[in-house]
Amino acid sequence: MSQGPGDSGISTNLFITGFVSTSIQILLIREMMNISGGYELITGIFLDTWLITFAAGSSSQIQMPSVISENLKKNQM
């Protein structure tokens, strides 16, 4: 697959977004462990709530606006 002129910027932005979001999630988990004192039940409830919240967000049927999806299609070509 050939790369277009804008693919390098998109890859860099996706990498930075993934790195930052992973770092924030690790910090949140560490802080939760400090707050709960390592108590496994509270940590389990925290992780359960976190996963259910993300699952509800991903299952919501919100569609991207047509302008964004058209731009994505142009970048893939």
PDB file of N, CA and C in Angstrom:
ATOM      1  N   MET A   1       0.846  -1.159   0.000  1.00  0.00           N
ATOM      2  CA  MET A   1       0.000   0.000   0.000  1.00  0.00           C
ATOM      3  C   MET A   1       0.896   1.228   0.000  1.00  0.00           C
ATOM      4  N   SER A   2       0.628   2.136  -0.900  1.00  0.00           N
ATOM      5  CA  SER A   2       1.444   3.341  -1.006  1.00  0.00           C
ATOM      6  C   SER A   2       0.939   4.403  -0.037  1.00  0.00           C
ATOM      7  N   GLN A   3       1.873   5.206   0.424  1.00  0.00           N
ATOM      8  CA  GLN A   3       1.515   6.266   1.346  1.00  0.00           C
ATOM      9  C   GLN A   3       1.322   7.559   0.592  1.00  0.00           C
ATOM     10  N   GLY A   4       0.262   8.259   0.945  1.00  0.00           N
ATOM     11  CA  GLY A   4      -0.001   9.552   0.354  1.00  0.00           C
ATOM     12  C   GLY A   4       0.760  10.637   1.096  1.00  0.00           C
ATOM     13  N   PRO A   5       0.637  11.869   0.639  1.00  0.00           N
ATOM     14  CA  PRO A   5       1.388  12.945   1.269  1.00  0.00           C
ATOM     15  C   PRO A   5       0.990  13.218   2.719  1.00  0.00           C
ATOM     16  N   GLY A   6      -0.253  12.920   3.119  1.00  0.00           N
ATOM     17  CA  GLY A   6      -0.699  13.215   4.475  1.00  0.00           C
ATOM     18  C   GLY A   6      -0.598  12.040   5.429  1.00  0.00           C
ATOM     19  N   ASP A   7      -0.160  10.868   4.966  1.00  0.00           N
ATOM     20  CA  ASP A   7      -0.149   9.673   5.808  1.00  0.00           C
ATOM     21  C   ASP A   7       0.854   9.760   6.951  1.00  0.00           C
ATOM     22  N   SER A   8       1.974  10.421   6.745  1.00  0.00           N
ATOM     23  CA  SER A   8       2.987  10.521   7.789  1.00  0.00           C
ATOM     24  C   SER A   8       2.452  11.286   8.991  1.00  0.00           C
ATOM     25  N   GLY A   9       1.744  12.370   8.747  1.00  0.00           N
ATOM     26  CA  GLY A   9       1.175  13.158   9.837  1.00  0.00           C
ATOM     27  C   GLY A   9       0.104  12.410  10.585  1.00  0.00           C
ATOM     28  N   ILE A  10      -0.697  11.642   9.864  1.00  0.00           N
ATOM     29  CA  ILE A  10      -1.758  10.863  10.503  1.00  0.00           C
ATOM     30  C   ILE A  10      -1.142   9.785  11.390  1.00  0.00           C
ATOM     31  N   SER A  11      -0.114   9.108  10.910  1.00  0.00           N
ATOM     32  CA  SER A  11       0.542   8.067  11.696  1.00  0.00           C
ATOM     33  C   SER A  11       1.163   8.648  12.961  1.00  0.00           C
ATOM     34  N   THR A  12       1.792   9.798  12.829  1.00  0.00           N
ATOM     35  CA  THR A  12       2.405  10.446  13.987  1.00  0.00           C
ATOM     36  C   THR A  12       1.341  10.849  14.998  1.00  0.00           C
ATOM     37  N   ASN A  13       0.250  11.425  14.525  1.00  0.00           N
ATOM     38  CA  ASN A  13      -0.831  11.832  15.426  1.00  0.00           C
ATOM     39  C   ASN A  13      -1.453  10.628  16.125  1.00  0.00           C
ATOM     40  N   LEU A  14      -1.655   9.535  15.405  1.00  0.00           N
ATOM     41  CA  LEU A  14      -2.221   8.334  16.029  1.00  0.00           C
ATOM     42  C   LEU A  14      -1.275   7.759  17.071  1.00  0.00           C
ATOM     43  N   PHE A  15       0.022   7.778  16.782  1.00  0.00           N
ATOM     44  CA  PHE A  15       0.999   7.284  17.754  1.00  0.00           C
ATOM     45  C   PHE A  15       0.986   8.130  19.015  1.00  0.00           C
ATOM     46  N   ILE A  16       0.992   9.445  18.855  1.00  0.00           N
ATOM     47  CA  ILE A  16       0.994  10.344  20.009  1.00  0.00           C
ATOM     48  C   ILE A  16      -0.287  10.177  20.817  1.00  0.00           C
ATOM     49  N   THR A  17      -1.436  10.072  20.129  1.00  0.00           N
ATOM     50  CA  THR A  17      -2.706   9.884  20.821  1.00  0.00           C
ATOM     51  C   THR A  17      -2.709   8.582  21.616  1.00  0.00           C
ATOM     52  N   GLY A  18      -2.235   7.507  21.020  1.00  0.00           N
ATOM     53  CA  GLY A  18      -2.172   6.223  21.717  1.00  0.00           C
ATOM     54  C   GLY A  18      -1.228   6.251  22.896  1.00  0.00           C
ATOM     55  N   PHE A  19      -0.082   6.897  22.736  1.00  0.00           N
ATOM     56  CA  PHE A  19       0.902   6.976  23.809  1.00  0.00           C
ATOM     57  C   PHE A  19       0.361   7.775  24.990  1.00  0.00           C
ATOM     58  N   VAL A  20      -0.252   8.910  24.699  1.00  0.00           N
ATOM     59  CA  VAL A  20      -0.793   9.761  25.759  1.00  0.00           C
ATOM     60  C   VAL A  20      -1.952   9.067  26.474  1.00  0.00           C
ATOM     61  N   SER A  21      -2.860   8.448  25.714  1.00  0.00           N
ATOM     62  CA  SER A  21      -4.006   7.794  26.355  1.00  0.00           C
ATOM     63  C   SER A  21      -3.565   6.598  27.195  1.00  0.00           C
ATOM     64  N   THR A  22      -2.589   5.844  26.738  1.00  0.00           N
ATOM     65  CA  THR A  22      -2.080   4.720  27.524  1.00  0.00           C
ATOM     66  C   THR A  22      -1.398   5.213  28.793  1.00  0.00           C
ATOM     67  N   SER A  23      -0.628   6.287  28.681  1.00  0.00           N
ATOM     68  CA  SER A  23       0.043   6.843  29.858  1.00  0.00           C
ATOM     69  C   SER A  23      -0.965   7.323  30.893  1.00  0.00           C
ATOM     70  N   ILE A  24      -2.014   7.992  30.439  1.00  0.00           N
ATOM     71  CA  ILE A  24      -3.035   8.481  31.361  1.00  0.00           C
ATOM     72  C   ILE A  24      -3.756   7.316  32.036  1.00  0.00           C
ATOM     73  N   GLN A  25      -4.043   6.254  31.277  1.00  0.00           N
ATOM     74  CA  GLN A  25      -4.714   5.099  31.863  1.00  0.00           C
ATOM     75  C   GLN A  25      -3.839   4.423  32.909  1.00  0.00           C
ATOM     76  N   ILE A  26      -2.551   4.323  32.645  1.00  0.00           N
ATOM     77  CA  ILE A  26      -1.633   3.730  33.626  1.00  0.00           C
ATOM     78  C   ILE A  26      -1.589   4.577  34.889  1.00  0.00           C
ATOM     79  N   LEU A  27      -1.531   5.903  34.723  1.00  0.00           N
ATOM     80  CA  LEU A  27      -1.537   6.789  35.887  1.00  0.00           C
ATOM     81  C   LEU A  27      -2.823   6.653  36.692  1.00  0.00           C
ATOM     82  N   LEU A  28      -3.967   6.548  36.006  1.00  0.00           N
ATOM     83  CA  LEU A  28      -5.237   6.377  36.711  1.00  0.00           C
ATOM     84  C   LEU A  28      -5.273   5.075  37.503  1.00  0.00           C
ATOM     85  N   ILE A  29      -4.786   4.000  36.918  1.00  0.00           N
ATOM     86  CA  ILE A  29      -4.775   2.709  37.614  1.00  0.00           C
ATOM     87  C   ILE A  29      -3.851   2.758  38.827  1.00  0.00           C
ATOM     88  N   ARG A  30      -2.685   3.385  38.665  1.00  0.00           N
ATOM     89  CA  ARG A  30      -1.751   3.497  39.796  1.00  0.00           C
ATOM     90  C   ARG A  30      -2.341   4.335  40.922  1.00  0.00           C
ATOM     91  N   GLU A  31      -2.998   5.437  40.565  1.00  0.00           N
ATOM     92  CA  GLU A  31      -3.627   6.275  41.583  1.00  0.00           C
ATOM     93  C   GLU A  31      -4.753   5.527  42.290  1.00  0.00           C
ATOM     94  N   MET A  32      -5.513   4.746  41.531  1.00  0.00           N
ATOM     95  CA  MET A  32      -6.587   3.968  42.145  1.00  0.00           C
ATOM     96  C   MET A  32      -6.015   2.938  43.122  1.00  0.00           C
ATOM     97  N   MET A  33      -4.895   2.338  42.773  1.00  0.00           N
ATOM     98  CA  MET A  33      -4.252   1.381  43.674  1.00  0.00           C
ATOM     99  C   MET A  33      -3.765   2.084  44.938  1.00  0.00           C
ATOM    100  N   ASN A  34      -3.248   3.312  44.801  1.00  0.00           N
ATOM    101  CA  ASN A  34      -2.806   4.068  45.982  1.00  0.00           C
ATOM    102  C   ASN A  34      -3.976   4.457  46.864  1.00  0.00           C
ATOM    103  N   ILE A  35      -5.077   4.907  46.251  1.00  0.00           N
ATOM    104  CA  ILE A  35      -6.244   5.326  47.022  1.00  0.00           C
ATOM    105  C   ILE A  35      -6.855   4.147  47.772  1.00  0.00           C
ATOM    106  N   SER A  36      -6.970   3.012  47.089  1.00  0.00           N
ATOM    107  CA  SER A  36      -7.613   1.856  47.716  1.00  0.00           C
ATOM    108  C   SER A  36      -6.652   1.079  48.609  1.00  0.00           C
ATOM    109  N   GLY A  37      -5.399   1.440  48.630  1.00  0.00           N
ATOM    110  CA  GLY A  37      -4.433   0.727  49.472  1.00  0.00           C
ATOM    111  C   GLY A  37      -4.145  -0.667  48.964  1.00  0.00           C
ATOM    112  N   GLY A  38      -4.385  -0.913  47.688  1.00  0.00           N
ATOM    113  CA  GLY A  38      -4.139  -2.231  47.115  1.00  0.00           C
ATOM    114  C   GLY A  38      -5.262  -3.221  47.380  1.00  0.00           C
ATOM    115  N   TYR A  39      -6.384  -2.742  47.933  1.00  0.00           N
ATOM    116  CA  TYR A  39      -7.511  -3.616  48.230  1.00  0.00           C
ATOM    117  C   TYR A  39      -8.149  -4.065  46.920  1.00  0.00           C
ATOM    118  N   GLU A  40      -8.204  -5.377  46.698  1.00  0.00           N
ATOM    119  CA  GLU A  40      -8.573  -5.913  45.397  1.00  0.00           C
ATOM    120  C   GLU A  40     -10.043  -5.707  45.035  1.00  0.00           C
ATOM    121  N   LEU A  41     -10.927  -5.697  46.006  1.00  0.00           N
ATOM    122  CA  LEU A  41     -12.348  -5.525  45.703  1.00  0.00           C
ATOM    123  C   LEU A  41     -12.609  -4.137  45.129  1.00  0.00           C
ATOM    124  N   ILE A  42     -12.044  -3.110  45.746  1.00  0.00           N
ATOM    125  CA  ILE A  42     -12.241  -1.745  45.252  1.00  0.00           C
ATOM    126  C   ILE A  42     -11.598  -1.580  43.877  1.00  0.00           C
ATOM    127  N   THR A  43     -10.418  -2.152  43.696  1.00  0.00           N
ATOM    128  CA  THR A  43      -9.754  -2.084  42.392  1.00  0.00           C
ATOM    129  C   THR A  43     -10.575  -2.804  41.334  1.00  0.00           C
ATOM    130  N   GLY A  44     -11.158  -3.954  41.683  1.00  0.00           N
ATOM    131  CA  GLY A  44     -12.006  -4.689  40.745  1.00  0.00           C
ATOM    132  C   GLY A  44     -13.255  -3.907  40.366  1.00  0.00           C
ATOM    133  N   ILE A  45     -13.871  -3.262  41.356  1.00  0.00           N
ATOM    134  CA  ILE A  45     -15.056  -2.444  41.071  1.00  0.00           C
ATOM    135  C   ILE A  45     -14.693  -1.278  40.160  1.00  0.00           C
ATOM    136  N   PHE A  46     -13.538  -0.652  40.419  1.00  0.00           N
ATOM    137  CA  PHE A  46     -13.070   0.450  39.570  1.00  0.00           C
ATOM    138  C   PHE A  46     -12.864  -0.006  38.129  1.00  0.00           C
ATOM    139  N   LEU A  47     -12.158  -1.119  37.948  1.00  0.00           N
ATOM    140  CA  LEU A  47     -11.902  -1.623  36.594  1.00  0.00           C
ATOM    141  C   LEU A  47     -13.192  -2.064  35.908  1.00  0.00           C
ATOM    142  N   ASP A  48     -14.104  -2.685  36.664  1.00  0.00           N
ATOM    143  CA  ASP A  48     -15.382  -3.116  36.112  1.00  0.00           C
ATOM    144  C   ASP A  48     -16.182  -1.911  35.613  1.00  0.00           C
ATOM    145  N   THR A  49     -16.248  -0.876  36.436  1.00  0.00           N
ATOM    146  CA  THR A  49     -16.961   0.346  36.040  1.00  0.00           C
ATOM    147  C   THR A  49     -16.321   0.983  34.810  1.00  0.00           C
ATOM    148  N   TRP A  50     -14.994   0.991  34.793  1.00  0.00           N
ATOM    149  CA  TRP A  50     -14.259   1.573  33.676  1.00  0.00           C
ATOM    150  C   TRP A  50     -14.578   0.824  32.376  1.00  0.00           C
ATOM    151  N   LEU A  51     -14.524  -0.499  32.417  1.00  0.00           N
ATOM    152  CA  LEU A  51     -14.773  -1.292  31.218  1.00  0.00           C
ATOM    153  C   LEU A  51     -16.224  -1.182  30.758  1.00  0.00           C
ATOM    154  N   ILE A  52     -17.167  -1.184  31.687  1.00  0.00           N
ATOM    155  CA  ILE A  52     -18.582  -1.051  31.318  1.00  0.00           C
ATOM    156  C   ILE A  52     -18.829   0.311  30.673  1.00  0.00           C
ATOM    157  N   THR A  53     -18.204   1.359  31.220  1.00  0.00           N
ATOM    158  CA  THR A  53     -18.360   2.696  30.654  1.00  0.00           C
ATOM    159  C   THR A  53     -17.826   2.762  29.230  1.00  0.00           C
ATOM    160  N   PHE A  54     -16.655   2.183  29.006  1.00  0.00           N
ATOM    161  CA  PHE A  54     -16.088   2.193  27.655  1.00  0.00           C
ATOM    162  C   PHE A  54     -16.913   1.336  26.701  1.00  0.00           C
ATOM    163  N   ALA A  55     -17.448   0.219  27.186  1.00  0.00           N
ATOM    164  CA  ALA A  55     -18.293  -0.625  26.330  1.00  0.00           C
ATOM    165  C   ALA A  55     -19.573   0.098  25.946  1.00  0.00           C
ATOM    166  N   ALA A  56     -20.155   0.834  26.888  1.00  0.00           N
ATOM    167  CA  ALA A  56     -21.370   1.599  26.588  1.00  0.00           C
ATOM    168  C   ALA A  56     -21.074   2.697  25.581  1.00  0.00           C
ATOM    169  N   GLY A  57     -19.911   3.327  25.712  1.00  0.00           N
ATOM    170  CA  GLY A  57     -19.534   4.373  24.762  1.00  0.00           C
ATOM    171  C   GLY A  57     -19.310   3.833  23.371  1.00  0.00           C
ATOM    172  N   SER A  58     -18.673   2.647  23.280  1.00  0.00           N
ATOM    173  CA  SER A  58     -18.429   2.102  21.941  1.00  0.00           C
ATOM    174  C   SER A  58     -19.661   1.517  21.301  1.00  0.00           C
ATOM    175  N   SER A  59     -20.603   1.091  22.116  1.00  0.00           N
ATOM    176  CA  SER A  59     -21.801   0.515  21.522  1.00  0.00           C
ATOM    177  C   SER A  59     -22.844   1.566  21.154  1.00  0.00           C
ATOM    178  N   SER A  60     -22.635   2.788  21.626  1.00  0.00           N
ATOM    179  CA  SER A  60     -23.575   3.844  21.233  1.00  0.00           C
ATOM    180  C   SER A  60     -23.435   4.082  19.736  1.00  0.00           C
ATOM    181  N   GLN A  61     -24.516   4.326  19.090  1.00  0.00           N
ATOM    182  CA  GLN A  61     -24.556   4.352  17.630  1.00  0.00           C
ATOM    183  C   GLN A  61     -24.354   5.762  17.070  1.00  0.00           C
ATOM    184  N   ILE A  62     -23.434   6.502  17.649  1.00  0.00           N
ATOM    185  CA  ILE A  62     -23.160   7.849  17.146  1.00  0.00           C
ATOM    186  C   ILE A  62     -22.275   7.727  15.916  1.00  0.00           C
ATOM    187  N   GLN A  63     -22.722   8.306  14.816  1.00  0.00           N
ATOM    188  CA  GLN A  63     -21.967   8.227  13.569  1.00  0.00           C
ATOM    189  C   GLN A  63     -21.153   9.501  13.385  1.00  0.00           C
ATOM    190  N   MET A  64     -20.030   9.346  12.703  1.00  0.00           N
ATOM    191  CA  MET A  64     -19.203  10.506  12.403  1.00  0.00           C
ATOM    192  C   MET A  64     -19.909  11.397  11.392  1.00  0.00           C
ATOM    193  N   PRO A  65     -19.704  12.691  11.493  1.00  0.00           N
ATOM    194  CA  PRO A  65     -20.268  13.577  10.478  1.00  0.00           C
ATOM    195  C   PRO A  65     -19.714  13.226   9.100  1.00  0.00           C
ATOM    196  N   SER A  66     -20.491  13.498   8.074  1.00  0.00           N
ATOM    197  CA  SER A  66     -20.105  13.111   6.720  1.00  0.00           C
ATOM    198  C   SER A  66     -18.825  13.802   6.269  1.00  0.00           C
ATOM    199  N   VAL A  67     -18.551  14.999   6.744  1.00  0.00           N
ATOM    200  CA  VAL A  67     -17.340  15.714   6.335  1.00  0.00           C
ATOM    201  C   VAL A  67     -16.099  14.959   6.796  1.00  0.00           C
ATOM    202  N   ILE A  68     -16.108  14.479   8.043  1.00  0.00           N
ATOM    203  CA  ILE A  68     -14.958  13.746   8.561  1.00  0.00           C
ATOM    204  C   ILE A  68     -14.790  12.430   7.815  1.00  0.00           C
ATOM    205  N   SER A  69     -15.875  11.706   7.565  1.00  0.00           N
ATOM    206  CA  SER A  69     -15.749  10.429   6.877  1.00  0.00           C
ATOM    207  C   SER A  69     -15.291  10.618   5.431  1.00  0.00           C
ATOM    208  N   GLU A  70     -15.698  11.702   4.786  1.00  0.00           N
ATOM    209  CA  GLU A  70     -15.226  11.974   3.422  1.00  0.00           C
ATOM    210  C   GLU A  70     -13.724  12.263   3.429  1.00  0.00           C
ATOM    211  N   ASN A  71     -13.249  13.018   4.415  1.00  0.00           N
ATOM    212  CA  ASN A  71     -11.813  13.304   4.505  1.00  0.00           C
ATOM    213  C   ASN A  71     -11.008  12.038   4.752  1.00  0.00           C
ATOM    214  N   LEU A  72     -11.538  11.133   5.574  1.00  0.00           N
ATOM    215  CA  LEU A  72     -10.859   9.876   5.809  1.00  0.00           C
ATOM    216  C   LEU A  72     -10.774   9.033   4.550  1.00  0.00           C
ATOM    217  N   LYS A  73     -11.850   9.041   3.754  1.00  0.00           N
ATOM    218  CA  LYS A  73     -11.850   8.281   2.502  1.00  0.00           C
ATOM    219  C   LYS A  73     -10.827   8.858   1.527  1.00  0.00           C
ATOM    220  N   LYS A  74     -10.701  10.175   1.471  1.00  0.00           N
ATOM    221  CA  LYS A  74      -9.724  10.811   0.586  1.00  0.00           C
ATOM    222  C   LYS A  74      -8.291  10.445   0.998  1.00  0.00           C
ATOM    223  N   ASN A  75      -8.025  10.381   2.308  1.00  0.00           N
ATOM    224  CA  ASN A  75      -6.678  10.059   2.798  1.00  0.00           C
ATOM    225  C   ASN A  75      -6.328   8.615   2.554  1.00  0.00           C
ATOM    226  N   GLN A  76      -7.317   7.728   2.482  1.00  0.00           N
ATOM    227  CA  GLN A  76      -7.034   6.309   2.252  1.00  0.00           C
ATOM    228  C   GLN A  76      -6.686   6.024   0.801  1.00  0.00           C
ATOM    229  N   MET A  77      -7.077   6.892  -0.090  1.00  0.00           N
ATOM    230  CA  MET A  77      -6.799   6.643  -1.515  1.00  0.00           C
ATOM    231  C   MET A  77      -5.397   6.963  -1.883  1.00  0.00           C
TER     232      MET A  77
END
